[in-house]
Amino acid sequence: MRFPLAVRAVLFAGVVMSSAACTTQPTMPAKVPLTVVNALAPGGKLRAAINYGNPILAGKDAATGEPAGVSVDLAVELAKRLDVPLELVTFDAAGKVSAAVAANSVDIAFYAIDPKRAEDTLFTGAYVVIEGAYMVRQDSPIRTNEQVDKPGNRVVVGKGSAYDLYLSRELKEAELLRAPTSPQVIDIFMQQKMEVAAGVRQQLQADAKRVPGLRLLDGRFMEIRQAMAMPKNRDAALAYLSDFVEEMKRSGFVGKALQRHHIEGAEVAPLTPNLQVLKVHAGTAAICSDFFE
């Protein structure tokens, strides 16, 4: 059927507007369905786990002592969209956050995607990518990552961290030892005269500034994909939370948060391919398929 020219012009404008909704900055978010709100904040408030053990994600504000960082910013934005109060629940180690998620003691969390954690956790796509790195003493004969997994080498990690879980699977000959938290890794490494310390590159770089005689090995032993997470019984909210993370990356929210908090060495994660994202523009909903490398 062929429409008159004026009608075709109106239809074309509508198509352009829908396309713009899929490619431009996010518009005013639509009201979140009650089923999603109840799944994310069943107690009437959003309890967000904040991990001080990873300086990429969070730390204490120097002026106020309050939690600050990209994970805090995301939690604030999500609570605003859900129109519920926000409670920040702080932890000093990712392993403790993971346990809180498994126990349903928190509603959302921010930590690395890992197959072991996925047994009792639902993950979105990653929003930030960081590196796991090794550190040795300046006079250590270990020069490359490949030389770490050898008999006689002891590697200390933060208990329950993403790299603890990863190295527990991957190391075959080196011995893995665990510090109570990631920020304690270097101190235990020095006190017990171990051969290798493993952790987030930025944490190790900060430790090297306060402890002399250390050397960071080139490259990385793993890529750490930081995502938003929630207890496994919250399936009704997973699609919404996943779309939220993708929008936060696409709109520049995550990148600006990293800049605002002066985070170096971390990158905004690529957009998740083939994700179906619901966009609302001028009262008209359109489903957009996004394909990214």
Protein backbone atom coordinates (compact mmCIF):
# COMPACT_ATOMS: atom_id res chain seq x y z
CA MET A 1 0.00 0.00 0.00
CA ARG A 2 1.38 3.41 -0.98
CA PHE A 3 0.70 6.28 1.44
CA PRO A 4 0.27 9.93 0.41
CA LEU A 5 3.45 12.01 0.58
CA ALA A 6 2.44 13.85 3.78
CA VAL A 7 1.66 10.60 5.58
CA ARG A 8 4.94 9.06 4.41
CA ALA A 9 6.82 12.07 5.82
CA VAL A 10 5.19 11.61 9.22
CA LEU A 11 5.98 7.88 9.24
CA PHE A 12 9.58 8.56 8.26
CA ALA A 13 9.92 11.07 11.11
CA GLY A 14 8.62 8.44 13.52
CA VAL A 15 11.21 5.93 12.29
CA VAL A 16 14.01 8.47 12.70
CA MET A 17 12.86 9.27 16.23
CA SER A 18 12.80 5.56 17.16
CA SER A 19 16.26 5.09 15.65
CA ALA A 20 17.59 8.05 17.61
CA ALA A 21 16.25 6.52 20.78
CA CYS A 22 18.47 3.48 20.11
CA THR A 23 21.66 5.40 19.39
CA THR A 24 21.70 8.63 21.36
CA GLN A 25 21.96 9.61 25.00
CA PRO A 26 19.24 8.05 27.19
CA THR A 27 16.02 10.00 27.59
CA MET A 28 14.05 10.35 30.78
CA PRO A 29 13.81 6.79 32.18
CA ALA A 30 10.38 5.21 32.19
CA LYS A 31 8.70 4.19 35.41
CA VAL A 32 10.11 0.87 36.56
CA PRO A 33 7.54 -1.98 36.73
CA LEU A 34 6.50 -2.86 40.27
CA THR A 35 7.58 -6.48 39.77
CA VAL A 36 11.14 -5.27 39.11
CA VAL A 37 11.13 -2.89 42.08
CA ASN A 38 9.92 -5.66 44.37
CA ALA A 39 12.57 -8.05 43.05
CA LEU A 40 15.42 -5.58 43.46
CA ALA A 41 14.28 -4.03 46.73
CA PRO A 42 11.92 -6.52 48.41
CA GLY A 43 12.29 -4.80 51.77
CA GLY A 44 11.31 -1.38 50.44
CA LYS A 45 14.89 -0.11 50.22
CA LEU A 46 17.86 -0.97 48.02
CA ARG A 47 20.70 -2.53 50.03
CA ALA A 48 23.87 -2.11 47.99
CA ALA A 49 27.08 -3.91 48.95
CA ILE A 50 30.13 -1.64 48.59
CA ASN A 51 33.57 -3.29 48.61
CA TYR A 52 36.37 -1.15 50.01
CA GLY A 53 38.78 -3.99 49.17
CA ASN A 54 38.87 -2.93 45.51
CA PRO A 55 40.00 0.70 45.10
CA ILE A 56 38.78 0.73 41.50
CA LEU A 57 35.20 0.40 42.68
CA ALA A 58 35.00 2.25 45.98
CA GLY A 59 36.79 3.98 48.80
CA LYS A 60 36.14 6.46 51.57
CA ASP A 61 35.72 10.10 50.59
CA ALA A 62 38.74 11.99 51.92
CA ALA A 63 36.61 14.88 53.19
CA THR A 64 33.55 13.09 54.58
CA GLY A 65 34.64 9.52 55.20
CA GLU A 66 31.53 8.35 53.36
CA PRO A 67 31.60 5.66 50.64
CA ALA A 68 32.50 7.02 47.21
CA GLY A 69 33.36 5.60 43.81
CA VAL A 70 31.87 4.30 40.59
CA SER A 71 29.95 1.51 42.36
CA VAL A 72 28.42 4.03 44.75
CA ASP A 73 27.41 6.26 41.84
CA LEU A 74 25.72 3.34 40.10
CA ALA A 75 23.87 2.37 43.28
CA VAL A 76 22.64 5.95 43.78
CA GLU A 77 21.41 6.15 40.18
CA LEU A 78 19.64 2.78 40.39
CA ALA A 79 17.88 3.66 43.67
CA LYS A 80 16.74 6.95 42.12
CA ARG A 81 15.20 5.12 39.17
CA LEU A 82 13.52 2.58 41.43
CA ASP A 83 12.29 5.46 43.64
CA VAL A 84 13.36 3.69 46.84
CA PRO A 85 15.74 4.63 49.69
CA LEU A 86 19.36 3.47 49.36
CA GLU A 87 21.35 1.74 52.08
CA LEU A 88 25.09 1.32 51.46
CA VAL A 89 26.45 -1.78 53.21
CA THR A 90 30.25 -1.68 53.28
CA PHE A 91 32.70 -4.60 53.25
CA ASP A 92 36.50 -4.89 53.21
CA ALA A 93 36.76 -7.93 50.93
CA ALA A 94 35.01 -9.33 47.86
CA GLY A 95 34.67 -12.73 49.50
CA LYS A 96 32.54 -11.18 52.23
CA VAL A 97 30.39 -9.42 49.63
CA SER A 98 29.88 -12.72 47.80
CA ALA A 99 28.78 -14.39 51.04
CA ALA A 100 26.31 -11.56 51.73
CA VAL A 101 24.80 -11.95 48.26
CA ALA A 102 24.46 -15.71 48.72
CA ALA A 103 22.74 -15.11 52.08
CA ASN A 104 20.35 -12.50 50.62
CA SER A 105 21.74 -9.98 53.11
CA VAL A 106 22.11 -7.40 50.32
CA ASP A 107 20.10 -6.72 47.17
CA ILE A 108 22.83 -5.71 44.72
CA ALA A 109 26.60 -5.91 44.68
CA PHE A 110 29.56 -4.99 42.52
CA TYR A 111 32.26 -7.58 41.91
CA ALA A 112 33.93 -9.70 39.28
CA ILE A 113 32.15 -12.30 37.20
CA ASP A 114 33.32 -15.80 38.08
CA PRO A 115 31.87 -19.29 37.43
CA LYS A 116 32.10 -20.23 41.13
CA ARG A 117 30.18 -17.14 42.22
CA ALA A 118 27.59 -17.73 39.51
CA GLU A 119 26.40 -20.79 41.43
CA ASP A 120 24.39 -18.52 43.73
CA THR A 121 24.63 -15.13 41.99
CA LEU A 122 23.03 -13.47 38.96
CA PHE A 123 25.39 -11.23 36.97
CA THR A 124 24.83 -8.45 34.46
CA GLY A 125 27.33 -7.79 31.71
CA ALA A 126 30.57 -6.16 32.87
CA TYR A 127 30.68 -2.40 33.32
CA VAL A 128 34.42 -2.06 34.03
CA VAL A 129 37.42 -4.17 33.00
CA ILE A 130 40.58 -4.21 35.12
CA GLU A 131 43.73 -6.35 35.21
CA GLY A 132 45.04 -8.96 37.60
CA ALA A 133 48.82 -8.65 37.99
CA TYR A 134 51.76 -10.20 39.85
CA MET A 135 54.28 -8.39 42.04
CA VAL A 136 57.67 -9.68 43.22
CA ARG A 137 60.69 -8.30 45.05
CA GLN A 138 63.12 -6.24 43.04
CA ASP A 139 65.81 -8.96 43.29
CA SER A 140 63.46 -11.84 42.44
CA PRO A 141 64.57 -14.17 39.62
CA ILE A 142 60.95 -14.21 38.41
CA ARG A 143 60.76 -11.95 35.34
CA THR A 144 57.57 -13.04 33.56
CA ASN A 145 54.05 -14.21 34.43
CA GLU A 146 54.83 -17.62 32.97
CA GLN A 147 57.55 -18.18 35.59
CA VAL A 148 55.13 -17.83 38.53
CA ASP A 149 53.50 -21.27 38.37
CA LYS A 150 56.59 -23.24 39.37
CA PRO A 151 57.36 -25.55 42.32
CA GLY A 152 58.59 -23.61 45.36
CA ASN A 153 56.75 -20.39 44.51
CA ARG A 154 54.18 -19.20 47.04
CA VAL A 155 51.54 -16.80 45.73
CA VAL A 156 49.52 -14.71 48.18
CA VAL A 157 46.05 -13.41 47.23
CA GLY A 158 43.09 -11.74 48.92
CA LYS A 159 40.75 -14.44 50.22
CA GLY A 160 37.64 -14.85 48.07
CA SER A 161 38.76 -12.31 45.48
CA ALA A 162 38.26 -12.87 41.75
CA TYR A 163 41.94 -13.69 41.30
CA ASP A 164 41.83 -16.11 44.27
CA LEU A 165 39.03 -18.01 42.52
CA TYR A 166 40.83 -17.84 39.17
CA LEU A 167 44.26 -18.88 40.44
CA SER A 168 42.71 -21.69 42.52
CA ARG A 169 41.71 -23.21 39.20
CA GLU A 170 44.73 -22.26 37.11
CA LEU A 171 47.85 -22.70 39.26
CA LYS A 172 49.16 -26.25 39.05
CA GLU A 173 52.58 -26.15 40.75
CA ALA A 174 52.85 -22.94 42.77
CA GLU A 175 51.30 -22.83 46.25
CA LEU A 176 48.40 -20.41 46.80
CA LEU A 177 48.07 -18.67 50.18
CA ARG A 178 45.33 -16.26 51.25
CA ALA A 179 45.42 -12.93 53.07
CA PRO A 180 42.20 -11.97 54.91
CA THR A 181 41.61 -9.05 52.51
CA SER A 182 43.19 -7.75 49.30
CA PRO A 183 44.72 -4.60 50.88
CA GLN A 184 46.63 -6.89 53.29
CA VAL A 185 48.27 -8.94 50.53
CA ILE A 186 51.53 -6.99 50.27
CA ASP A 187 52.03 -6.74 54.03
CA ILE A 188 51.70 -10.52 54.41
CA PHE A 189 53.84 -11.03 51.30
CA MET A 190 56.62 -9.01 52.95
CA GLN A 191 56.23 -10.37 56.50
CA GLN A 192 56.26 -14.03 55.42
CA LYS A 193 58.86 -13.55 52.69
CA MET A 194 56.71 -15.07 49.96
CA GLU A 195 57.73 -15.19 46.31
CA VAL A 196 54.74 -13.58 44.56
CA ALA A 197 51.82 -11.28 45.39
CA ALA A 198 48.75 -11.28 43.14
CA GLY A 199 46.03 -8.67 42.91
CA VAL A 200 44.39 -5.80 41.07
CA ARG A 201 47.11 -3.88 39.26
CA GLN A 202 46.08 -0.52 40.74
CA GLN A 203 46.17 -1.85 44.31
CA LEU A 204 49.63 -3.31 43.77
CA GLN A 205 50.88 -0.07 42.21
CA ALA A 206 49.63 1.86 45.26
CA ASP A 207 51.34 -0.64 47.58
CA ALA A 208 54.63 -0.25 45.70
CA LYS A 209 54.62 3.47 46.55
CA ARG A 210 54.56 2.77 50.28
CA VAL A 211 56.73 -0.38 50.32
CA PRO A 212 60.18 -0.07 48.68
CA GLY A 213 61.94 -2.78 46.71
CA LEU A 214 58.98 -4.18 44.78
CA ARG A 215 58.58 -4.86 41.06
CA LEU A 216 55.37 -5.34 39.06
CA LEU A 217 55.59 -7.97 36.34
CA ASP A 218 54.69 -6.85 32.83
CA GLY A 219 51.34 -7.80 31.39
CA ARG A 220 48.44 -9.45 33.19
CA PHE A 221 47.58 -12.96 34.28
CA MET A 222 43.83 -12.37 33.96
CA GLU A 223 41.23 -9.84 32.87
CA ILE A 224 38.81 -9.00 35.66
CA ARG A 225 35.30 -8.14 34.46
CA GLN A 226 33.46 -6.17 37.14
CA ALA A 227 29.67 -6.46 36.96
CA MET A 228 26.57 -5.77 38.99
CA ALA A 229 25.28 -8.81 40.85
CA MET A 230 22.28 -9.90 42.89
CA PRO A 231 21.01 -13.03 44.65
CA LYS A 232 19.99 -15.86 42.37
CA ASN A 233 16.31 -15.71 43.38
CA ARG A 234 15.86 -12.27 41.79
CA ASP A 235 15.37 -13.46 38.19
CA ALA A 236 12.46 -11.05 37.64
CA ALA A 237 14.89 -8.11 37.80
CA LEU A 238 17.83 -9.48 35.81
CA ALA A 239 16.75 -8.12 32.41
CA TYR A 240 16.13 -4.67 33.85
CA LEU A 241 19.43 -4.58 35.76
CA SER A 242 21.34 -5.81 32.70
CA ASP A 243 19.74 -3.10 30.54
CA PHE A 244 20.57 -0.53 33.23
CA VAL A 245 24.27 -1.45 33.10
CA GLU A 246 24.35 -1.27 29.32
CA GLU A 247 22.71 2.16 29.38
CA MET A 248 25.19 3.39 31.99
CA LYS A 249 28.05 2.38 29.69
CA ARG A 250 26.45 3.65 26.50
CA SER A 251 25.51 7.04 27.94
CA GLY A 252 29.01 7.74 29.30
CA PHE A 253 27.90 7.52 32.95
CA VAL A 254 30.51 4.89 33.88
CA GLY A 255 33.32 6.62 31.99
CA LYS A 256 32.56 9.96 33.64
CA ALA A 257 32.43 8.31 37.06
CA LEU A 258 35.89 6.82 36.53
CA GLN A 259 37.21 10.25 35.57
CA ARG A 260 35.45 11.99 38.46
CA HIS A 261 37.01 9.60 40.98
CA HIS A 262 40.44 9.81 39.30
CA ILE A 263 40.61 6.09 38.52
CA GLU A 264 43.45 5.15 36.18
CA GLY A 265 44.12 1.81 34.52
CA ALA A 266 40.49 0.70 34.39
CA GLU A 267 38.42 0.76 31.22
CA VAL A 268 34.71 0.93 30.56
CA ALA A 269 33.70 -2.57 29.48
CA PRO A 270 32.52 -3.02 25.89
CA LEU A 271 28.78 -3.07 25.35
CA THR A 272 27.37 -6.56 25.62
CA PRO A 273 26.54 -7.88 22.11
CA ASN A 274 23.06 -8.91 21.04
CA LEU A 275 21.40 -7.50 24.15
CA GLN A 276 17.77 -6.55 23.63
CA VAL A 277 17.30 -3.15 25.26
CA LEU A 278 13.90 -1.52 25.72
CA LYS A 279 14.03 2.17 24.83
CA VAL A 280 11.15 4.58 25.30
CA HIS A 281 10.90 7.72 23.22
CA ALA A 282 7.95 10.12 23.08
CA GLY A 283 5.69 7.50 24.63
CA THR A 284 6.53 4.88 21.97
CA ALA A 285 8.44 1.74 22.91
CA ALA A 286 10.88 0.14 20.49
CA ILE A 287 13.11 -2.90 20.90
CA CYS A 288 16.63 -2.32 19.61
CA SER A 289 19.24 -5.00 18.95
CA ASP A 290 22.76 -3.69 19.59
CA PHE A 291 25.78 -5.44 18.09
CA PHE A 292 29.21 -4.34 19.26
CA GLU A 293 32.70 -5.77 18.84
